[in-house]
Protein backbone atom coordinates (compact mmCIF):
# COMPACT_ATOMS: atom_id res chain seq x y z
CA MET A 1 -0.11 -35.30 9.67
CA PHE A 2 -2.19 -33.07 7.38
CA LEU A 3 -5.45 -35.02 7.33
CA ILE A 4 -6.46 -34.63 10.99
CA HIS A 5 -8.23 -31.37 10.22
CA PRO A 6 -8.64 -30.95 6.42
CA PRO A 7 -8.67 -27.23 5.53
CA HIS A 8 -11.80 -25.73 4.02
CA PHE A 9 -12.61 -22.11 3.23
CA LEU A 10 -16.29 -22.64 4.06
CA PRO A 11 -18.54 -25.18 5.80
CA PRO A 12 -19.60 -28.12 3.58
CA LYS A 13 -22.26 -27.60 0.93
CA GLY A 14 -25.74 -28.12 2.27
CA HIS A 15 -24.74 -27.24 5.84
CA ARG A 16 -26.83 -24.46 7.37
CA ALA A 17 -23.67 -22.71 8.59
CA ARG A 18 -22.51 -22.29 4.99
CA SER A 19 -25.39 -19.92 4.24
CA LEU A 20 -24.45 -17.84 7.28
CA ALA A 21 -20.82 -17.66 6.12
CA LEU A 22 -21.79 -16.64 2.59
CA ALA A 23 -24.13 -13.95 3.92
CA ILE A 24 -21.34 -12.51 6.09
CA LEU A 25 -18.87 -12.57 3.21
CA PHE A 26 -21.36 -10.74 0.98
CA VAL A 27 -22.34 -8.10 3.52
CA ALA A 28 -18.84 -7.31 4.86
CA PRO A 29 -17.37 -5.59 1.74
CA VAL A 30 -20.56 -3.54 1.39
CA ALA A 31 -20.21 -2.51 5.04
CA PHE A 32 -16.67 -1.29 4.40
CA GLY A 33 -17.90 0.67 1.39
CA LEU A 34 -20.42 2.36 3.69
CA LEU A 35 -17.70 2.91 6.29
CA ALA A 36 -15.62 4.70 3.66
CA LEU A 37 -18.54 7.08 3.11
CA ALA A 38 -18.99 7.63 6.84
CA LEU A 39 -15.30 8.42 7.39
CA GLY A 40 -15.36 11.23 4.84
CA GLN A 41 -13.89 11.97 1.43
CA ASP A 42 -10.23 11.17 1.02
CA ALA A 43 -8.01 14.22 0.46
CA ASN A 44 -4.66 12.80 1.52
CA TRP A 45 -1.29 14.28 0.50
CA ASP A 46 -0.43 11.44 -1.87
CA LEU A 47 -3.77 11.67 -3.65
CA ARG A 48 -3.18 15.35 -4.28
CA ASN A 49 0.44 14.73 -5.23
CA TYR A 50 0.27 11.76 -7.59
CA HIS A 51 -2.50 9.17 -7.30
CA PHE A 52 -4.94 11.27 -9.31
CA TYR A 53 -2.49 12.89 -11.72
CA ASN A 54 -0.48 9.77 -12.57
CA ALA A 55 -3.57 7.89 -13.74
CA TYR A 56 -4.64 10.94 -15.77
CA ALA A 57 -1.17 11.16 -17.34
CA PHE A 58 -1.14 7.45 -18.17
CA LEU A 59 -4.57 7.46 -19.80
CA ASN A 60 -3.95 10.68 -21.76
CA ASN A 61 -0.31 10.20 -22.78
CA ARG A 62 0.77 13.20 -20.71
CA TYR A 63 4.28 11.87 -20.24
CA ALA A 64 5.20 13.40 -23.60
CA GLN A 65 3.62 16.70 -22.55
CA ASP A 66 4.35 17.15 -18.82
CA LEU A 67 7.47 16.65 -16.75
CA LEU A 68 7.59 15.96 -12.99
CA PRO A 69 4.33 17.62 -11.84
CA SER A 70 3.83 14.85 -9.27
CA GLN A 71 7.42 15.06 -7.98
CA THR A 72 9.29 11.78 -7.29
CA PRO A 73 6.13 9.64 -7.67
CA TYR A 74 5.92 10.86 -11.29
CA PHE A 75 8.03 7.75 -11.94
CA TYR A 76 5.75 5.32 -10.05
CA ASN A 77 3.72 2.68 -11.84
CA PRO A 78 0.31 4.37 -12.44
CA LEU A 79 -1.62 1.19 -13.19
CA MET A 80 -3.12 0.72 -9.72
CA ASP A 81 -4.60 4.22 -9.78
CA VAL A 82 -6.29 3.87 -13.18
CA PRO A 83 -9.50 2.08 -12.04
CA PHE A 84 -10.19 4.58 -9.26
CA PHE A 85 -9.42 7.59 -11.47
CA THR A 86 -11.67 6.26 -14.21
CA LEU A 87 -14.57 5.76 -11.81
CA ALA A 88 -13.93 9.06 -10.00
CA THR A 89 -14.10 11.00 -13.26
CA HIS A 90 -17.22 9.25 -14.56
CA ALA A 91 -19.28 8.89 -11.38
CA SER A 92 -20.00 10.91 -8.26
CA ALA A 93 -17.44 11.20 -5.48
CA ARG A 94 -19.62 9.11 -3.19
CA VAL A 95 -19.90 6.29 -5.71
CA ALA A 96 -16.12 6.28 -6.20
CA GLY A 97 -15.48 6.36 -2.45
CA PHE A 98 -17.95 3.55 -1.80
CA ALA A 99 -16.42 1.40 -4.55
CA LEU A 100 -12.93 1.94 -3.17
CA GLY A 101 -14.04 0.94 0.33
CA LEU A 102 -15.85 -2.11 -1.05
CA VAL A 103 -12.73 -3.33 -2.86
CA GLN A 104 -10.66 -2.81 0.27
CA GLY A 105 -13.35 -4.70 2.19
CA LEU A 106 -12.46 -7.82 0.20
CA ASN A 107 -9.56 -8.17 2.64
CA PHE A 108 -12.20 -9.20 5.19
CA VAL A 109 -13.22 -12.06 2.91
CA LEU A 110 -9.64 -13.33 2.56
CA LEU A 111 -8.94 -13.00 6.29
CA PHE A 112 -12.10 -15.00 6.99
CA LEU A 113 -11.16 -17.72 4.49
CA ILE A 114 -7.64 -18.05 5.91
CA ALA A 115 -8.95 -18.30 9.46
CA HIS A 116 -11.62 -20.84 8.49
CA ALA A 117 -9.06 -22.99 6.69
CA VAL A 118 -6.64 -23.06 9.62
CA LEU A 119 -8.59 -22.77 12.89
CA ILE A 120 -10.01 -25.81 14.65
CA VAL A 121 -13.44 -25.06 16.11
CA PRO A 122 -15.77 -28.10 16.25
CA ASN A 123 -19.05 -26.18 16.07
CA PRO A 124 -19.44 -24.78 12.51
CA ARG A 125 -21.52 -21.78 13.57
CA HIS A 126 -19.13 -20.91 16.39
CA LYS A 127 -16.26 -21.20 13.94
CA ILE A 128 -17.92 -18.74 11.56
CA ILE A 129 -18.44 -16.24 14.38
CA VAL A 130 -14.81 -16.57 15.49
CA CYS A 131 -13.48 -16.19 11.94
CA ALA A 132 -15.70 -13.17 11.28
CA ALA A 133 -14.63 -11.53 14.54
CA LEU A 134 -10.94 -12.03 13.76
CA ALA A 135 -11.41 -10.70 10.24
CA ALA A 136 -13.29 -7.65 11.50
CA LEU A 137 -10.66 -6.90 14.13
CA GLY A 138 -7.99 -7.36 11.48
CA MET A 139 -9.66 -4.77 9.26
CA LEU A 140 -10.40 -2.24 12.00
CA GLY A 141 -6.89 -1.49 13.23
CA GLY A 142 -5.51 1.95 13.90
CA GLY A 143 -3.69 1.96 10.58
CA GLY A 144 -6.35 -0.02 8.72
CA ILE A 145 -9.27 2.30 9.46
CA ALA A 146 -7.11 5.26 8.45
CA GLN A 147 -6.70 3.76 4.98
CA ILE A 148 -10.29 2.68 4.31
CA GLY A 149 -11.58 4.71 1.40
CA THR A 150 -8.16 6.22 0.67
CA THR A 151 -5.94 5.89 -2.38
CA PHE A 152 -2.68 4.81 -0.71
CA GLY A 153 -3.11 1.28 -2.07
CA ASP A 154 -1.57 -0.62 0.85
CA ASN A 155 -4.95 -2.21 1.61
CA VAL A 156 -5.34 -3.06 -2.08
CA THR A 157 -1.94 -4.72 -2.58
CA SER A 158 -2.75 -6.64 0.61
CA LEU A 159 -5.31 -8.58 -1.44
CA GLY A 160 -2.52 -10.23 -3.40
CA ALA A 161 -0.54 -11.25 -0.31
CA LEU A 162 -3.61 -12.57 1.51
CA LEU A 163 -4.86 -14.44 -1.57
CA SER A 164 -1.48 -16.15 -1.99
CA ALA A 165 -1.45 -17.03 1.71
CA ALA A 166 -5.02 -18.36 1.53
CA LEU A 167 -4.24 -20.59 -1.46
CA ILE A 168 -1.15 -21.99 0.23
CA VAL A 169 -2.81 -22.91 3.54
CA ARG A 170 -5.79 -24.38 1.69
CA HIS A 171 -3.54 -26.62 -0.43
CA LEU A 172 -0.67 -27.18 1.98
CA GLU A 173 -1.10 -30.95 1.92
CA ARG A 174 -0.79 -31.09 -1.87
CA LEU A 175 2.22 -28.78 -1.79
CA SER A 176 3.96 -31.00 0.75
CA LEU A 177 2.97 -34.47 -0.45
CA ASP A 178 2.00 -34.32 -4.14
CA ILE A 179 4.42 -35.32 -6.86
CA ALA A 180 7.08 -32.66 -7.44
CA PRO A 181 5.90 -31.30 -10.83
CA ARG A 182 2.34 -30.71 -9.58
CA ALA A 183 3.52 -29.16 -6.33
CA PHE A 184 5.94 -26.95 -8.28
CA GLY A 185 3.14 -25.78 -10.58
CA LEU A 186 0.83 -25.03 -7.68
CA ALA A 187 3.48 -23.03 -5.80
CA LEU A 188 4.28 -21.06 -8.94
CA ALA A 189 0.59 -20.27 -9.51
CA PHE A 190 0.12 -19.25 -5.86
CA GLY A 191 2.97 -16.75 -6.13
CA ILE A 192 1.33 -14.84 -8.98
CA PRO A 193 -1.20 -12.80 -6.89
CA ALA A 194 1.48 -11.54 -4.50
CA GLY A 195 3.74 -10.76 -7.45
CA MET A 196 1.07 -8.84 -9.33
CA MET A 197 0.46 -6.60 -6.35
CA MET A 198 4.19 -6.15 -5.85
CA GLY A 199 4.36 -4.92 -9.45
CA LEU A 200 1.65 -2.37 -8.72
CA LYS A 201 3.39 -1.10 -5.58
CA LEU A 202 6.96 -2.21 -4.95
CA PRO A 203 6.86 -2.01 -1.09
CA ALA A 204 4.55 -5.06 -1.26
CA VAL A 205 7.80 -6.99 -1.82
CA ILE A 206 7.95 -7.51 1.95
CA TYR A 207 5.01 -9.94 1.80
CA ALA A 208 6.26 -11.68 -1.34
CA VAL A 209 9.56 -12.37 0.45
CA GLY A 210 7.82 -13.52 3.62
CA LEU A 211 5.42 -15.88 1.89
CA CYS A 212 8.23 -17.25 -0.23
CA GLY A 213 10.50 -17.87 2.78
CA GLY A 214 7.69 -19.46 4.77
CA LEU A 215 7.51 -22.31 2.25
CA LEU A 216 10.86 -23.53 3.54
CA PHE A 217 8.97 -24.65 6.66
CA THR A 218 5.92 -26.45 5.25
CA GLY A 219 6.73 -29.84 6.75
CA GLY A 220 7.59 -31.75 3.60
CA GLY A 221 11.36 -31.82 4.12
CA TRP A 222 14.02 -29.23 3.30
CA ARG A 223 14.42 -30.28 -0.35
CA ARG A 224 10.68 -29.94 -0.91
CA GLY A 225 10.73 -26.60 0.93
CA VAL A 226 13.50 -25.20 -1.27
CA MET A 227 11.71 -26.38 -4.40
CA LEU A 228 8.41 -24.82 -3.32
CA SER A 229 10.06 -21.58 -2.32
CA PHE A 230 11.86 -21.36 -5.67
CA ALA A 231 8.64 -22.07 -7.58
CA PHE A 232 6.70 -19.48 -5.56
CA GLY A 233 9.47 -16.97 -6.28
CA LEU A 234 9.09 -17.63 -10.01
CA GLY A 235 5.37 -17.02 -9.64
CA VAL A 236 6.05 -13.72 -7.87
CA LEU A 237 8.36 -12.63 -10.68
CA SER A 238 5.79 -13.68 -13.29
CA GLY A 239 3.02 -11.72 -11.59
CA CYS A 240 5.30 -8.73 -11.16
CA ALA A 241 6.18 -8.82 -14.86
CA VAL A 242 2.47 -8.68 -15.77
CA THR A 243 1.76 -5.49 -13.82
CA LEU A 244 5.17 -3.79 -13.86
CA GLY A 245 6.71 -4.93 -17.14
CA HIS A 246 5.15 -2.26 -19.34
CA TRP A 247 6.13 0.50 -16.92
CA ALA A 248 9.67 -0.76 -16.36
CA THR A 249 10.11 -0.76 -20.14
CA PHE A 250 8.86 2.83 -20.34
CA LEU A 251 11.21 3.98 -17.58
CA GLN A 252 14.15 2.22 -19.20
CA SER A 253 13.52 3.76 -22.60
CA HIS A 254 12.86 7.30 -21.35
CA PHE A 255 14.94 7.61 -18.17
CA GLY A 256 17.63 4.96 -18.50
CA SER A 257 16.54 2.65 -15.67
CA PRO A 258 13.63 0.18 -15.25
CA LEU A 259 13.15 1.27 -11.61
CA PHE A 260 14.06 4.94 -11.99
CA PRO A 261 14.99 6.74 -9.76
CA TYR A 262 15.51 3.89 -7.30
CA PHE A 263 18.57 1.64 -7.18
CA ASN A 264 20.45 3.95 -9.52
CA ASP A 265 23.63 2.70 -7.89
CA LEU A 266 22.92 -0.44 -9.95
CA PHE A 267 21.33 0.97 -13.12
CA HIS A 268 23.39 4.18 -13.52
CA SER A 269 20.89 6.40 -15.29
CA PRO A 270 22.56 9.73 -16.15
CA LEU A 271 19.44 11.59 -14.99
CA ALA A 272 19.90 10.87 -11.27
CA PRO A 273 22.78 10.42 -8.81
CA PRO A 274 24.24 6.88 -8.51
CA VAL A 275 22.51 6.12 -5.19
CA SER A 276 19.75 3.81 -4.03
CA ALA A 277 17.36 6.75 -3.33
CA ARG A 278 15.30 4.48 -1.03
CA ASP A 279 13.28 6.33 1.59
CA THR A 280 15.09 5.71 4.89
CA GLN A 281 13.40 8.45 6.91
CA PHE A 282 11.80 5.97 9.31
CA ALA A 283 14.29 3.10 9.02
CA PRO A 284 15.98 1.93 12.24
CA HIS A 285 19.35 3.52 12.89
CA SER A 286 20.62 1.39 15.77
CA TRP A 287 20.37 -2.05 17.30
CA SER A 288 17.99 -0.69 19.92
CA ASP A 289 15.73 0.57 17.13
CA LEU A 290 15.78 -2.86 15.51
CA LEU A 291 14.95 -4.68 18.73
CA LEU A 292 12.44 -2.26 20.20
CA MET A 293 10.65 -0.88 17.14
CA PRO A 294 7.13 -2.14 18.06
CA PHE A 295 7.42 -0.44 21.43
CA LEU A 296 8.84 2.71 19.88
CA PHE A 297 5.90 3.19 17.54
CA ALA A 298 3.44 2.14 20.26
CA HIS A 299 4.81 5.04 22.30
CA SER A 300 5.07 7.46 19.37
CA PRO A 301 3.36 6.64 16.06
CA TYR A 302 5.38 9.41 14.42
CA ARG A 303 8.34 7.06 14.62
CA VAL A 304 6.88 5.15 11.65
CA GLY A 305 4.66 7.69 9.92
CA GLU A 306 3.31 11.20 9.67
CA ILE A 307 0.03 10.93 11.61
CA GLU A 308 -1.21 10.03 15.07
CA TRP A 309 -2.79 6.59 15.62
CA ARG A 310 -2.75 3.84 18.26
CA ASP A 311 -2.92 0.06 18.10
CA TRP A 312 -1.19 -2.44 20.38
CA ARG A 313 -1.60 -5.65 18.37
CA LEU A 314 1.88 -5.76 16.85
CA PRO A 315 3.74 -4.97 20.11
CA ILE A 316 1.65 -7.63 21.88
CA LEU A 317 2.35 -10.20 19.17
CA TYR A 318 6.03 -9.24 19.20
CA VAL A 319 6.25 -10.24 22.88
CA LEU A 320 3.74 -13.08 22.89
CA LEU A 321 5.14 -15.14 20.04
CA PRO A 322 8.70 -15.64 21.39
CA VAL A 323 7.33 -16.26 24.89
CA ALA A 324 5.00 -18.95 23.51
CA LEU A 325 7.85 -20.53 21.54
CA ILE A 326 10.13 -20.63 24.60
CA LEU A 327 7.42 -22.13 26.82
CA ARG A 328 6.62 -24.67 24.13
CA MET A 329 10.30 -25.57 23.93
CA PHE A 330 10.48 -26.26 27.65
CA PHE A 331 7.05 -27.77 28.26
CA GLY A 332 6.17 -29.09 24.80
CA ARG A 333 2.78 -29.86 23.31
CA ASN A 334 1.39 -32.71 21.30
CA ARG A 335 0.73 -31.23 17.87
CA ALA A 336 -2.04 -33.74 17.31
CA ALA A 337 -3.68 -32.97 20.65
CA PRO A 338 -7.47 -32.85 20.54
CA ASP A 339 -7.44 -29.36 22.07
CA ALA A 340 -5.26 -27.79 19.36
CA VAL A 341 -6.65 -24.47 18.11
CA ALA A 342 -5.19 -24.57 14.60
CA ALA A 343 -3.81 -26.93 11.98
CA PRO A 344 -0.15 -26.99 13.05
CA TYR A 345 1.66 -26.79 9.72
CA ALA A 346 -0.63 -24.12 8.31
CA ALA A 347 -0.32 -22.05 11.49
CA ARG A 348 3.45 -22.47 11.42
CA TYR A 349 3.57 -21.35 7.79
CA LEU A 350 1.62 -18.18 8.52
CA LEU A 351 3.63 -17.36 11.64
CA VAL A 352 6.95 -17.82 9.84
CA SER A 353 5.85 -15.99 6.69
CA PHE A 354 4.57 -12.88 8.39
CA SER A 355 7.44 -12.85 10.87
CA LEU A 356 9.79 -12.77 7.89
CA ALA A 357 7.67 -10.05 6.29
CA TYR A 358 7.99 -8.00 9.48
CA GLY A 359 11.77 -8.41 9.37
CA VAL A 360 11.92 -7.21 5.77
CA TRP A 361 9.57 -4.31 6.55
CA LEU A 362 11.69 -3.32 9.53
CA THR A 363 14.99 -3.25 7.66
CA LEU A 364 13.76 -1.78 4.37
CA PHE A 365 11.09 0.76 5.32
CA SER A 366 9.66 0.88 8.85
CA ILE A 367 6.78 2.89 7.37
CA TYR A 368 3.62 1.76 9.15
CA ARG A 369 1.35 2.17 6.13
CA TYR A 370 3.26 -0.64 4.45
CA ALA A 371 2.62 -2.88 7.48
CA VAL A 372 -1.17 -2.74 7.19
CA THR A 373 -1.31 -6.37 6.00
CA LEU A 374 0.59 -7.40 9.12
CA GLU A 375 -1.92 -5.44 11.16
CA MET A 376 -4.75 -7.31 9.41
CA ILE A 377 -3.39 -10.80 10.01
CA ALA A 378 -2.10 -10.09 13.55
CA PRO A 379 -5.30 -11.12 15.45
CA LEU A 380 -5.17 -14.57 13.85
CA LEU A 381 -1.45 -14.90 14.58
CA ILE A 382 -2.15 -13.97 18.20
CA VAL A 383 -4.64 -16.84 18.38
CA PHE A 384 -1.92 -19.18 17.06
CA ALA A 385 0.61 -17.87 19.60
CA VAL A 386 -1.74 -18.26 22.56
CA GLY A 387 -2.60 -21.72 21.25
CA MET A 388 1.01 -22.77 21.82
CA LEU A 389 0.94 -21.90 25.51
CA PRO A 390 0.99 -24.89 27.93
CA LEU A 391 -2.47 -24.10 29.29
CA LYS A 392 -5.86 -25.75 29.23
CA LEU A 393 -8.02 -25.01 26.22
CA SER A 394 -10.52 -23.01 28.30
CA THR A 395 -7.69 -20.95 29.83
CA ARG A 396 -6.19 -20.25 26.42
CA ALA A 397 -9.60 -19.13 25.18
CA LEU A 398 -9.90 -16.68 28.07
CA VAL A 399 -6.37 -15.38 27.50
CA THR A 400 -7.09 -14.90 23.81
CA ALA A 401 -10.36 -13.09 24.50
CA PHE A 402 -8.65 -10.82 27.01
CA ILE A 403 -5.80 -9.92 24.65
CA LEU A 404 -8.14 -9.21 21.75
CA ALA A 405 -10.34 -7.08 24.02
CA VAL A 406 -7.28 -5.06 25.10
CA ILE A 407 -6.32 -4.57 21.46
CA SER A 408 -9.85 -3.44 20.60
CA ALA A 409 -9.79 -0.91 23.44
CA SER A 410 -6.40 0.41 22.34
CA ILE A 411 -7.43 1.31 18.80
CA GLN A 412 -7.27 4.98 17.86
CA PRO A 413 -7.56 5.28 14.08
CA GLY A 414 -5.40 7.74 12.20
CA ASN A 415 -6.59 10.33 9.71
CA TRP A 416 -4.67 11.15 6.53
CA HIS A 417 -6.92 14.17 5.93
CA ARG A 418 -10.51 13.77 4.85
CA ARG A 419 -13.26 16.15 3.89
CA GLU A 420 -16.28 15.88 6.15
CA ALA A 421 -18.61 17.03 3.34
CA TRP A 422 -18.41 15.07 0.11
CA LEU A 423 -18.03 16.93 -3.17
CA ASP A 424 -20.15 16.11 -6.20
CA ARG A 425 -17.01 15.06 -8.11
CA PHE A 426 -13.97 13.64 -6.35
CA VAL A 427 -11.68 16.44 -7.55
CA GLU A 428 -13.12 19.87 -8.20
CA ALA A 429 -11.36 23.18 -8.85
CA ARG A 430 -12.36 26.64 -9.98
CA ILE A 431 -10.03 27.57 -12.84
CA PRO A 432 -9.93 31.24 -13.94
CA ASP A 433 -9.99 32.36 -17.56
CA LEU A 434 -6.50 31.73 -18.95
CA GLY A 435 -6.94 33.39 -22.34
CA ASP A 436 -5.28 31.66 -25.28
CA THR A 437 -3.96 28.33 -23.95
CA SER A 438 -2.70 26.86 -27.23
CA HIS A 439 0.95 27.67 -26.38
CA LEU A 440 0.80 27.83 -22.59
CA MET A 441 3.24 26.03 -20.28
CA ILE A 442 2.52 26.18 -16.56
CA LEU A 443 5.52 25.79 -14.29
CA MET A 444 5.28 24.42 -10.74
CA ALA A 445 7.58 24.86 -7.76
CA GLY A 446 7.72 24.15 -4.04
CA MET A 447 7.05 20.85 -2.31
CA GLU A 448 3.28 21.10 -1.86
CA PRO A 449 1.05 18.56 -3.64
CA TYR A 450 -1.28 20.03 -6.24
CA SER A 451 -0.90 18.00 -9.43
CA HIS A 452 -4.45 16.71 -8.86
CA LEU A 453 -5.60 20.07 -10.24
CA ILE A 454 -4.05 19.44 -13.67
CA PRO A 455 -6.99 17.43 -15.11
CA GLU A 456 -9.17 20.48 -14.45
CA PHE A 457 -7.14 22.62 -16.87
CA PRO A 458 -7.59 22.63 -20.67
CA PRO A 459 -5.83 19.52 -22.03
CA GLU A 460 -3.53 21.48 -24.36
CA VAL A 461 -1.77 23.17 -21.41
CA SER A 462 1.53 21.51 -20.49
CA PHE A 463 2.95 21.37 -16.95
CA THR A 464 6.60 21.27 -15.89
CA ARG A 465 7.75 21.16 -12.29
CA ILE A 466 11.06 22.96 -11.84
CA GLN A 467 11.36 22.26 -8.11
CA SER A 468 10.19 19.21 -6.21
CA ASN A 469 11.15 16.58 -3.67
CA PHE A 470 12.99 14.88 -6.52
CA SER A 471 15.08 17.76 -7.78
CA SER A 472 15.80 21.44 -7.17
CA PRO A 473 17.27 23.59 -9.94
CA GLU A 474 20.47 24.33 -8.02
CA GLN A 475 21.34 20.62 -7.81
CA ASP A 476 23.70 18.97 -10.25
CA LYS A 477 21.23 16.36 -11.47
CA GLY A 478 20.80 15.10 -14.99
CA ILE A 479 17.04 15.62 -14.79
CA ASN A 480 17.65 19.38 -14.59
CA ARG A 481 19.12 19.26 -18.07
CA LEU A 482 15.81 17.90 -19.33
CA LEU A 483 13.97 20.69 -17.52
CA HIS A 484 16.21 23.37 -19.07
CA GLU A 485 15.83 21.86 -22.53
CA ARG A 486 12.04 21.75 -22.27
CA ILE A 487 11.72 25.32 -20.97
CA ASP A 488 14.27 26.72 -23.44
CA ALA A 489 12.51 25.04 -26.37
CA HIS A 490 9.14 26.44 -25.27
CA ARG A 491 10.61 29.93 -24.89
CA ALA A 492 12.34 29.74 -28.28
CA ALA A 493 9.03 28.80 -29.90
CA GLY A 494 7.39 31.95 -28.46
CA GLY A 495 5.32 30.03 -25.92
CA ARG A 496 3.71 31.65 -22.89
CA PHE A 497 4.58 30.77 -19.27
CA MET A 498 2.62 30.91 -16.04
CA MET A 499 3.48 29.70 -12.54
CA LEU A 500 1.19 27.57 -10.37
CA ILE A 501 2.27 27.95 -6.75
CA PRO A 502 0.59 28.08 -3.31
CA LEU A 503 0.07 31.61 -2.02
CA TRP A 504 2.60 31.26 0.77
CA GLN A 505 5.44 30.06 -1.50
CA HIS A 506 5.94 32.96 -3.92
CA GLN A 507 9.49 33.51 -2.66
CA VAL A 508 10.23 29.84 -3.37
CA ALA A 509 8.95 30.31 -6.91
CA ASP A 510 11.12 33.39 -7.46
CA ASP A 511 14.23 31.52 -6.34
CA ALA A 512 13.51 28.52 -8.57
CA LEU A 513 12.61 30.60 -11.65
CA ALA A 514 15.89 32.52 -11.46
CA PHE A 515 17.80 29.41 -12.55
CA PHE A 516 15.85 29.42 -15.81
CA GLY A 517 16.15 33.14 -16.51
CA LEU A 518 12.53 33.76 -15.54
CA LYS A 519 10.68 35.65 -12.82
CA LEU A 520 7.15 36.32 -11.66
CA ALA A 521 5.61 39.28 -13.46
CA SER A 522 4.33 42.28 -11.57
CA GLN A 523 0.78 41.71 -12.78
CA LYS A 524 -1.76 40.45 -10.29
CA CYS A 525 -1.94 36.68 -9.93
CA LEU A 526 -5.10 34.73 -10.57
CA ASN A 527 -6.50 32.28 -8.02
CA VAL A 528 -7.29 28.62 -8.51
CA THR A 529 -9.66 27.27 -5.85
CA ASP A 530 -8.89 23.72 -4.78
CA ARG A 531 -12.26 22.37 -3.66
CA LEU A 532 -10.81 19.00 -2.61
CA PHE A 533 -8.31 20.55 -0.21
CA ASP A 534 -10.71 22.63 1.86
CA ASP A 535 -11.17 25.36 -0.78
CA LYS A 536 -7.54 26.47 -0.48
CA GLN A 537 -6.29 29.04 -2.99
CA VAL A 538 -3.38 28.33 -5.34
CA SER A 539 -1.82 31.24 -7.23
CA LEU A 540 -1.59 31.23 -11.01
CA CYS A 541 0.85 33.96 -11.95
CA PRO A 542 2.24 35.28 -15.25
CA ILE A 543 5.98 34.84 -15.85
CA VAL A 544 8.38 37.00 -17.83
CA SER A 545 12.04 36.69 -18.78
CA LYS A 546 14.47 37.96 -16.19
CA GLU A 547 16.39 41.01 -17.45
């Protein structure tokens, strides 16, 4: 059942089509690096809030010096941001942006390899063109383009999910038919890439769960499916331990929970309330939301995110797949038919896995950024769904071409805020003369993101955020005790305070400082110019004790 169309990532060695495939796979990541440059320099909210600062803090042991400058994400695993930060601080902004786009362009390579391993196209050159077109369309979605060259990381963690999926479909026969110990070892190994990326960014769990659950339907019997799924799950946990273990240990030792502040209803850290703390802003709140979500965000992208974008691929797939399954149930198809478009068990695995991933995404997050891997793989899944329709091969090809053309015409990429003109360095700021900084603590308040400015200050200056989207001083949270202790100790030692706050939030700063017996001084504030964020001014004001 598996040997009718043996899966291969590339045409056979020596075949002229193989050179064409290799050329495409070499050029594509470079093209996405160039696309990142053309789209403009990333200046998104999360970059300014934590992606830049967290890597700086990790590399310079700032966690003993600063507290909460990047708000809730202060507690996120910084490991994924370290390579970009290192490059961005040692090379020009354009070099860093190109490199980030190039790495994200590796998704094209994996999408191509998956398609080539699964699709059935007799002519090798035609197959390469089809696979490249599906990979390109997968990369150039409304959400995907918005993230090219940005630091969100959803199109970096996607590499782990797609690599695990590629390895499984390439070796599906061995997983289903090989002796149990070998199959178990393979499944475990294939789970490691997805697990490593999950450790870097926990929302990638949706793909780890989907790929794990899909192994229950590989065609080798239910006992084999359970065994493979269990082994893959162990691989996921192993990969997660590699990338998250060090950080979970740090959080446990310093904040009383390995996933602080999340799932504190289970871990009971005294520094946060005993609640899950999971972001449910966009989660469905009714059965109609659950059933109609693809149509809801097709109508209003703000239902699943903070920016405008358009892309119809997921709503189309959401309708097409159940229709194809129902028609197949009534009319049937010979899975070994000569006009099949894909290897049946591999296609079934991918359809089941990413359908499960969608279900987990829907119930846990419903944040579209986290669904970018689904957006990438959707064109290939649409080909599988159309392939199940009881139509002639030529008719199915026309239907597929029409649907993909409609999707292409529907795409309106989002924009998470980019600079049109690139800076020389990725983050630049004009810092005024601060005088003696040997005993200076700068406090931060408000909800605006500006921790990316911290690496521009002298390294001996410490930063403490007294108000954030994690905690406000009037709340009865254990973390506020740490804030009071740190500020009181600095004051007792005769240290100097200043406040870093956007110009329009001085009243917010006054209110927050009052809880610590401090206030803004009457002296004129200094200005910090944030070159990354359109040369906006951030106030740097002296602070005195409140009488």
